[in-house]
């Protein structure tokens, strides 16, 4: 899996094997072996690729594009949690992994923002309130 991920990231960054190998201080043949999964990169090389491609080492090693509906490895700190189906009354269910990562609990209030060109954003109300207090100050009367 790591070999496919290295090749995919290298291509998405429009790099040749030679260019990436040079950045990692390895030979093109070594990189080719990693991509064919005939050998695996050492930890130092994985760390460098993680930095170069802005992905986590875990995703570099384990990410399975097919499990994520064909979506490429997301940048570090960005997530793709899958898809949801809108119910008859417009309700959606937030995937468990997303709730865990963003600490969303039953009863929490979420705000929905929309931009016709960029899509929807779902933001916890507490985060927006904290941002407003920071921006406008928490003035006492």
N, C-alpha and C. Protein backbone atom coordinates (compact mmCIF):
# COMPACT_ATOMS: atom_id res chain seq x y z
N UNK A 1 0.82 -1.19 0.00
CA UNK A 1 0.00 0.00 0.00
C UNK A 1 0.87 1.27 0.00
N UNK A 2 1.99 1.24 0.75
CA UNK A 2 2.84 2.43 0.81
C UNK A 2 3.41 2.77 -0.57
N UNK A 3 3.71 1.74 -1.35
CA UNK A 3 4.26 1.98 -2.68
C UNK A 3 3.27 2.72 -3.57
N UNK A 4 2.01 2.28 -3.53
CA UNK A 4 0.97 2.96 -4.32
C UNK A 4 0.80 4.39 -3.84
N UNK A 5 0.87 4.61 -2.53
CA UNK A 5 0.70 5.95 -1.99
C UNK A 5 1.86 6.87 -2.38
N UNK A 6 3.07 6.35 -2.36
CA UNK A 6 4.23 7.15 -2.78
C UNK A 6 4.07 7.55 -4.24
N UNK A 7 3.74 6.59 -5.09
CA UNK A 7 3.58 6.87 -6.52
C UNK A 7 2.46 7.87 -6.76
N UNK A 8 1.35 7.70 -6.06
CA UNK A 8 0.20 8.59 -6.23
C UNK A 8 0.54 10.02 -5.81
N UNK A 9 1.18 10.16 -4.65
CA UNK A 9 1.55 11.49 -4.17
C UNK A 9 2.59 12.14 -5.09
N UNK A 10 3.56 11.36 -5.52
CA UNK A 10 4.59 11.88 -6.41
C UNK A 10 3.95 12.41 -7.69
N UNK A 11 3.03 11.65 -8.26
CA UNK A 11 2.36 12.07 -9.50
C UNK A 11 1.46 13.27 -9.27
N UNK A 12 0.78 13.31 -8.13
CA UNK A 12 -0.10 14.46 -7.87
C UNK A 12 0.70 15.74 -7.68
N UNK A 13 1.95 15.61 -7.26
CA UNK A 13 2.85 16.77 -7.13
C UNK A 13 3.66 16.98 -8.42
N UNK A 14 3.31 16.20 -9.45
CA UNK A 14 3.94 16.30 -10.77
C UNK A 14 5.46 16.19 -10.69
N UNK A 15 5.90 15.19 -9.96
CA UNK A 15 7.32 14.94 -9.81
C UNK A 15 7.68 13.64 -10.51
N UNK A 16 8.87 13.59 -11.07
CA UNK A 16 9.38 12.34 -11.62
C UNK A 16 10.00 11.54 -10.48
N UNK A 17 10.26 10.26 -10.74
CA UNK A 17 10.94 9.45 -9.73
C UNK A 17 12.31 10.06 -9.43
N UNK A 18 12.95 10.52 -10.46
CA UNK A 18 14.28 11.11 -10.31
C UNK A 18 14.24 12.33 -9.38
N UNK A 19 13.23 13.20 -9.58
CA UNK A 19 13.12 14.42 -8.76
C UNK A 19 12.86 14.09 -7.30
N UNK A 20 11.93 13.16 -7.07
CA UNK A 20 11.64 12.80 -5.67
C UNK A 20 12.84 12.10 -5.04
N UNK A 21 13.47 11.21 -5.77
CA UNK A 21 14.65 10.51 -5.25
C UNK A 21 15.72 11.50 -4.82
N UNK A 22 15.91 12.52 -5.64
CA UNK A 22 16.92 13.54 -5.31
C UNK A 22 16.57 14.27 -4.02
N UNK A 23 15.29 14.60 -3.84
CA UNK A 23 14.86 15.29 -2.62
C UNK A 23 15.03 14.41 -1.38
N UNK A 24 14.94 13.09 -1.59
CA UNK A 24 15.07 12.15 -0.47
C UNK A 24 16.48 11.63 -0.29
N UNK A 25 17.36 12.03 -1.19
CA UNK A 25 18.75 11.61 -1.15
C UNK A 25 18.90 10.08 -1.28
N UNK A 26 18.10 9.53 -2.21
CA UNK A 26 18.20 8.11 -2.55
C UNK A 26 18.28 8.00 -4.07
N UNK A 27 18.56 6.82 -4.55
CA UNK A 27 18.64 6.63 -6.01
C UNK A 27 17.24 6.48 -6.59
N UNK A 28 17.13 6.73 -7.89
CA UNK A 28 15.85 6.55 -8.57
C UNK A 28 15.42 5.08 -8.49
N UNK A 29 16.40 4.18 -8.58
CA UNK A 29 16.11 2.74 -8.51
C UNK A 29 15.52 2.36 -7.15
N UNK A 30 16.05 2.97 -6.09
CA UNK A 30 15.52 2.71 -4.75
C UNK A 30 14.06 3.15 -4.67
N UNK A 31 13.79 4.35 -5.17
CA UNK A 31 12.43 4.87 -5.17
C UNK A 31 11.51 3.97 -5.99
N UNK A 32 11.98 3.53 -7.14
CA UNK A 32 11.19 2.64 -8.00
C UNK A 32 10.84 1.35 -7.25
N UNK A 33 11.79 0.81 -6.49
CA UNK A 33 11.53 -0.40 -5.70
C UNK A 33 10.47 -0.15 -4.64
N UNK A 34 10.51 1.04 -4.01
CA UNK A 34 9.47 1.37 -3.02
C UNK A 34 8.10 1.40 -3.69
N UNK A 35 8.03 2.04 -4.85
CA UNK A 35 6.75 2.17 -5.54
C UNK A 35 6.23 0.81 -6.01
N UNK A 36 7.12 -0.11 -6.38
CA UNK A 36 6.71 -1.47 -6.78
C UNK A 36 6.51 -2.38 -5.57
N UNK A 37 6.79 -1.85 -4.38
CA UNK A 37 6.67 -2.56 -3.11
C UNK A 37 7.59 -3.78 -3.04
N UNK A 38 8.76 -3.62 -3.65
CA UNK A 38 9.80 -4.65 -3.54
C UNK A 38 10.65 -4.42 -2.29
N UNK A 39 10.60 -3.19 -1.78
CA UNK A 39 11.24 -2.84 -0.51
C UNK A 39 10.47 -1.67 0.07
N UNK A 40 10.83 -1.31 1.30
CA UNK A 40 10.13 -0.22 1.99
C UNK A 40 11.12 0.86 2.40
N UNK A 41 10.67 2.11 2.40
CA UNK A 41 11.56 3.20 2.82
C UNK A 41 11.85 3.13 4.31
N UNK A 42 13.00 3.66 4.70
CA UNK A 42 13.33 3.73 6.12
C UNK A 42 12.53 4.88 6.75
N UNK A 43 12.57 4.93 8.06
CA UNK A 43 11.78 5.92 8.79
C UNK A 43 12.16 7.35 8.39
N UNK A 44 13.44 7.61 8.23
CA UNK A 44 13.90 8.95 7.84
C UNK A 44 13.28 9.37 6.51
N UNK A 45 13.26 8.47 5.54
CA UNK A 45 12.68 8.76 4.23
C UNK A 45 11.17 8.97 4.33
N UNK A 46 10.51 8.16 5.16
CA UNK A 46 9.06 8.33 5.34
C UNK A 46 8.76 9.69 5.98
N UNK A 47 9.57 10.08 6.95
CA UNK A 47 9.36 11.39 7.58
C UNK A 47 9.54 12.51 6.56
N UNK A 48 10.55 12.40 5.73
CA UNK A 48 10.80 13.43 4.72
C UNK A 48 9.66 13.49 3.70
N UNK A 49 9.15 12.33 3.27
CA UNK A 49 8.02 12.31 2.33
C UNK A 49 6.77 12.89 2.98
N UNK A 50 6.58 12.58 4.24
CA UNK A 50 5.44 13.13 4.98
C UNK A 50 5.49 14.65 4.97
N UNK A 51 6.67 15.21 5.18
CA UNK A 51 6.85 16.67 5.16
C UNK A 51 6.67 17.23 3.75
N UNK A 52 7.27 16.58 2.77
CA UNK A 52 7.20 17.06 1.38
C UNK A 52 5.77 17.09 0.86
N UNK A 53 5.01 16.05 1.18
CA UNK A 53 3.66 15.91 0.64
C UNK A 53 2.57 16.41 1.60
N UNK A 54 2.97 16.88 2.79
CA UNK A 54 2.03 17.42 3.78
C UNK A 54 0.97 16.39 4.18
N UNK A 55 1.41 15.16 4.41
CA UNK A 55 0.52 14.10 4.85
C UNK A 55 1.09 13.47 6.12
N UNK A 56 0.25 12.76 6.84
CA UNK A 56 0.75 12.07 8.04
C UNK A 56 1.49 10.80 7.61
N UNK A 57 2.41 10.36 8.45
CA UNK A 57 3.12 9.11 8.16
C UNK A 57 2.13 7.95 8.15
N UNK A 58 1.15 7.98 9.04
CA UNK A 58 0.14 6.94 9.07
C UNK A 58 -0.59 6.84 7.73
N UNK A 59 -1.02 7.98 7.17
CA UNK A 59 -1.68 7.95 5.87
C UNK A 59 -0.73 7.50 4.77
N UNK A 60 0.52 7.92 4.84
CA UNK A 60 1.50 7.50 3.84
C UNK A 60 1.61 5.97 3.81
N UNK A 61 1.57 5.35 4.97
CA UNK A 61 1.72 3.90 5.07
C UNK A 61 0.41 3.16 4.83
N UNK A 62 -0.68 3.63 5.44
CA UNK A 62 -1.91 2.83 5.48
C UNK A 62 -3.07 3.31 4.62
N UNK A 63 -3.02 4.52 4.09
CA UNK A 63 -4.19 5.06 3.39
C UNK A 63 -4.58 4.18 2.21
N UNK A 64 -5.86 3.82 2.16
CA UNK A 64 -6.39 3.01 1.06
C UNK A 64 -7.40 3.86 0.29
N UNK A 65 -7.01 4.28 -0.87
CA UNK A 65 -7.83 5.15 -1.72
C UNK A 65 -9.20 4.54 -1.99
N UNK A 66 -9.26 3.23 -2.18
CA UNK A 66 -10.52 2.56 -2.49
C UNK A 66 -11.50 2.63 -1.32
N UNK A 67 -10.98 2.58 -0.10
CA UNK A 67 -11.84 2.69 1.08
C UNK A 67 -12.41 4.10 1.24
N UNK A 68 -11.82 5.06 0.54
CA UNK A 68 -12.23 6.46 0.65
C UNK A 68 -12.81 6.97 -0.67
N UNK A 69 -13.55 6.09 -1.35
CA UNK A 69 -14.28 6.44 -2.57
C UNK A 69 -13.38 7.04 -3.65
N UNK A 70 -12.14 6.58 -3.74
CA UNK A 70 -11.24 7.04 -4.78
C UNK A 70 -10.57 8.37 -4.51
N UNK A 71 -10.78 8.92 -3.30
CA UNK A 71 -10.20 10.21 -2.93
C UNK A 71 -8.73 10.01 -2.58
N UNK A 72 -7.88 10.87 -3.11
CA UNK A 72 -6.44 10.82 -2.81
C UNK A 72 -6.18 11.11 -1.34
N UNK A 73 -4.98 10.85 -0.88
CA UNK A 73 -4.59 11.10 0.51
C UNK A 73 -4.77 12.60 0.81
N UNK A 74 -5.53 12.93 1.85
CA UNK A 74 -5.71 14.35 2.18
C UNK A 74 -4.49 14.91 2.89
N UNK A 75 -4.28 16.23 2.81
CA UNK A 75 -3.18 16.85 3.55
C UNK A 75 -3.34 16.62 5.06
N UNK A 76 -2.23 16.67 5.78
CA UNK A 76 -2.24 16.48 7.24
C UNK A 76 -3.23 17.44 7.88
N UNK A 77 -4.06 16.95 8.77
CA UNK A 77 -5.04 17.77 9.46
C UNK A 77 -6.36 17.90 8.70
N UNK A 78 -6.42 17.44 7.47
CA UNK A 78 -7.65 17.47 6.67
C UNK A 78 -8.19 16.05 6.64
N UNK A 79 -9.49 15.92 6.56
CA UNK A 79 -10.11 14.60 6.64
C UNK A 79 -11.19 14.43 5.58
N UNK A 80 -11.37 13.21 5.16
CA UNK A 80 -12.54 12.83 4.37
C UNK A 80 -13.18 11.69 5.13
N UNK A 81 -14.41 11.91 5.60
CA UNK A 81 -15.06 10.94 6.46
C UNK A 81 -16.06 10.06 5.72
N UNK A 82 -16.16 10.20 4.42
CA UNK A 82 -17.13 9.41 3.68
C UNK A 82 -18.31 10.27 3.27
N UNK A 83 -19.37 9.63 2.85
CA UNK A 83 -20.55 10.38 2.42
C UNK A 83 -21.71 10.07 3.35
N UNK A 84 -22.68 10.95 3.35
CA UNK A 84 -23.90 10.75 4.13
C UNK A 84 -25.08 10.95 3.19
N UNK A 85 -26.21 10.39 3.56
CA UNK A 85 -27.43 10.54 2.80
C UNK A 85 -28.35 11.49 3.55
N UNK A 86 -28.90 12.44 2.85
CA UNK A 86 -29.84 13.38 3.45
C UNK A 86 -31.19 12.68 3.59
N UNK A 87 -31.74 12.70 4.80
CA UNK A 87 -33.02 12.07 5.06
C UNK A 87 -34.19 12.88 4.50
N UNK A 88 -35.39 12.33 4.61
CA UNK A 88 -36.59 12.97 4.07
C UNK A 88 -36.82 14.37 4.62
N UNK A 89 -36.45 14.60 5.86
CA UNK A 89 -36.66 15.92 6.47
C UNK A 89 -35.39 16.76 6.46
N UNK A 90 -34.38 16.35 5.68
CA UNK A 90 -33.15 17.14 5.55
C UNK A 90 -32.09 16.80 6.58
N UNK A 91 -32.31 15.79 7.40
CA UNK A 91 -31.34 15.44 8.44
C UNK A 91 -30.19 14.64 7.85
N UNK A 92 -29.01 14.80 8.46
CA UNK A 92 -27.85 14.00 8.09
C UNK A 92 -27.27 13.40 9.37
N UNK A 93 -26.56 12.31 9.22
CA UNK A 93 -25.87 11.69 10.36
C UNK A 93 -24.38 11.91 10.14
N UNK A 94 -23.73 12.52 11.12
CA UNK A 94 -22.30 12.78 11.03
C UNK A 94 -21.57 11.49 11.38
N UNK A 95 -20.66 11.04 10.50
CA UNK A 95 -19.95 9.77 10.77
C UNK A 95 -19.25 9.77 12.12
N UNK A 96 -19.20 8.60 12.75
CA UNK A 96 -18.63 8.45 14.08
C UNK A 96 -17.19 8.96 14.15
N UNK A 97 -16.38 8.63 13.15
CA UNK A 97 -14.98 9.07 13.17
C UNK A 97 -14.90 10.60 13.18
N UNK A 98 -15.76 11.27 12.43
CA UNK A 98 -15.78 12.74 12.40
C UNK A 98 -16.19 13.29 13.77
N UNK A 99 -17.19 12.67 14.38
CA UNK A 99 -17.62 13.13 15.72
C UNK A 99 -16.49 12.96 16.72
N UNK A 100 -15.75 11.87 16.62
CA UNK A 100 -14.65 11.62 17.55
C UNK A 100 -13.52 12.64 17.34
N UNK A 101 -13.10 12.84 16.10
CA UNK A 101 -12.00 13.76 15.81
C UNK A 101 -12.33 15.18 16.27
N UNK A 102 -13.59 15.60 16.05
CA UNK A 102 -13.97 16.98 16.37
C UNK A 102 -14.73 17.10 17.69
N UNK A 103 -14.74 16.04 18.48
CA UNK A 103 -15.33 16.05 19.83
C UNK A 103 -16.79 16.53 19.79
N UNK A 104 -17.58 16.00 18.89
CA UNK A 104 -18.99 16.35 18.77
C UNK A 104 -19.80 15.33 19.58
N UNK A 105 -20.56 15.83 20.53
CA UNK A 105 -21.34 14.98 21.42
C UNK A 105 -22.83 15.20 21.19
N UNK A 106 -23.67 14.23 21.55
CA UNK A 106 -25.12 14.44 21.44
C UNK A 106 -25.54 15.70 22.21
N UNK A 107 -26.38 16.49 21.60
CA UNK A 107 -26.84 17.73 22.23
C UNK A 107 -26.02 18.95 21.86
N UNK A 108 -24.83 18.75 21.25
CA UNK A 108 -24.03 19.89 20.80
C UNK A 108 -24.77 20.63 19.69
N UNK A 109 -24.55 21.92 19.62
CA UNK A 109 -25.15 22.74 18.57
C UNK A 109 -24.12 22.99 17.48
N UNK A 110 -24.53 22.77 16.24
CA UNK A 110 -23.66 22.98 15.09
C UNK A 110 -24.27 24.07 14.22
N UNK A 111 -23.44 24.92 13.69
CA UNK A 111 -23.89 25.97 12.79
C UNK A 111 -23.56 25.57 11.36
N UNK A 112 -24.46 25.84 10.45
CA UNK A 112 -24.27 25.49 9.04
C UNK A 112 -24.11 26.78 8.25
N UNK A 113 -22.98 26.91 7.57
CA UNK A 113 -22.73 28.06 6.71
C UNK A 113 -22.68 27.56 5.28
N UNK A 114 -23.03 28.42 4.34
CA UNK A 114 -23.00 28.00 2.95
C UNK A 114 -22.42 29.05 2.03
N UNK A 115 -21.75 28.59 1.02
CA UNK A 115 -21.22 29.44 -0.03
C UNK A 115 -21.57 28.73 -1.33
N UNK A 116 -22.32 29.38 -2.21
CA UNK A 116 -22.79 28.71 -3.41
C UNK A 116 -21.67 28.21 -4.30
N UNK A 117 -20.49 28.80 -4.19
CA UNK A 117 -19.38 28.35 -5.02
C UNK A 117 -18.52 27.30 -4.32
N UNK A 118 -18.41 27.39 -2.97
CA UNK A 118 -17.49 26.50 -2.25
C UNK A 118 -18.19 25.40 -1.47
N UNK A 119 -19.48 25.52 -1.21
CA UNK A 119 -20.20 24.46 -0.52
C UNK A 119 -20.59 24.82 0.90
N UNK A 120 -20.86 23.79 1.70
CA UNK A 120 -21.31 23.95 3.08
C UNK A 120 -20.16 23.77 4.07
N UNK A 121 -20.31 24.43 5.21
CA UNK A 121 -19.39 24.24 6.32
C UNK A 121 -20.22 24.00 7.57
N UNK A 122 -19.84 23.01 8.34
CA UNK A 122 -20.52 22.69 9.60
C UNK A 122 -19.53 23.01 10.71
N UNK A 123 -19.92 23.92 11.60
CA UNK A 123 -19.01 24.41 12.63
C UNK A 123 -19.69 24.33 14.00
N UNK A 124 -18.99 23.82 15.02
CA UNK A 124 -19.58 23.82 16.36
C UNK A 124 -19.87 25.26 16.83
N UNK A 125 -21.02 25.44 17.42
CA UNK A 125 -21.42 26.77 17.90
C UNK A 125 -20.40 27.33 18.90
N UNK A 126 -19.85 26.48 19.75
CA UNK A 126 -18.89 26.94 20.75
C UNK A 126 -17.66 27.58 20.10
N UNK A 127 -17.22 27.03 18.99
CA UNK A 127 -16.07 27.58 18.29
C UNK A 127 -16.36 28.97 17.73
N UNK A 128 -17.56 29.17 17.21
CA UNK A 128 -17.93 30.48 16.65
C UNK A 128 -18.09 31.50 17.77
N UNK A 129 -18.70 31.09 18.88
CA UNK A 129 -18.87 31.99 20.02
C UNK A 129 -17.51 32.42 20.56
N UNK A 130 -16.58 31.49 20.70
CA UNK A 130 -15.23 31.81 21.17
C UNK A 130 -14.53 32.76 20.21
N UNK A 131 -14.70 32.53 18.91
CA UNK A 131 -14.10 33.41 17.91
C UNK A 131 -14.68 34.82 17.99
N UNK A 132 -15.99 34.91 18.18
CA UNK A 132 -16.64 36.23 18.29
C UNK A 132 -16.15 36.97 19.54
N UNK A 133 -16.01 36.25 20.63
CA UNK A 133 -15.50 36.88 21.87
C UNK A 133 -14.08 37.40 21.66
N UNK A 134 -13.29 36.61 20.97
CA UNK A 134 -11.92 37.01 20.68
C UNK A 134 -11.89 38.24 19.76
N UNK A 135 -12.74 38.23 18.74
CA UNK A 135 -12.76 39.32 17.75
C UNK A 135 -13.34 40.59 18.32
N UNK A 136 -14.42 40.47 19.09
CA UNK A 136 -15.14 41.66 19.55
C UNK A 136 -14.94 41.97 21.03
N UNK A 137 -14.23 41.10 21.71
CA UNK A 137 -14.00 41.32 23.15
C UNK A 137 -15.21 40.90 23.94
N UNK A 138 -15.00 40.48 25.15
CA UNK A 138 -16.07 40.07 26.04
C UNK A 138 -16.31 41.22 26.99
N UNK A 139 -17.06 42.22 26.51
CA UNK A 139 -17.27 43.46 27.27
C UNK A 139 -18.35 43.29 28.32
N UNK A 140 -18.06 43.75 29.48
CA UNK A 140 -19.04 43.75 30.57
C UNK A 140 -19.77 45.09 30.57
N UNK A 141 -21.08 45.11 30.85
CA UNK A 141 -21.85 46.37 30.91
C UNK A 141 -21.71 47.04 32.23
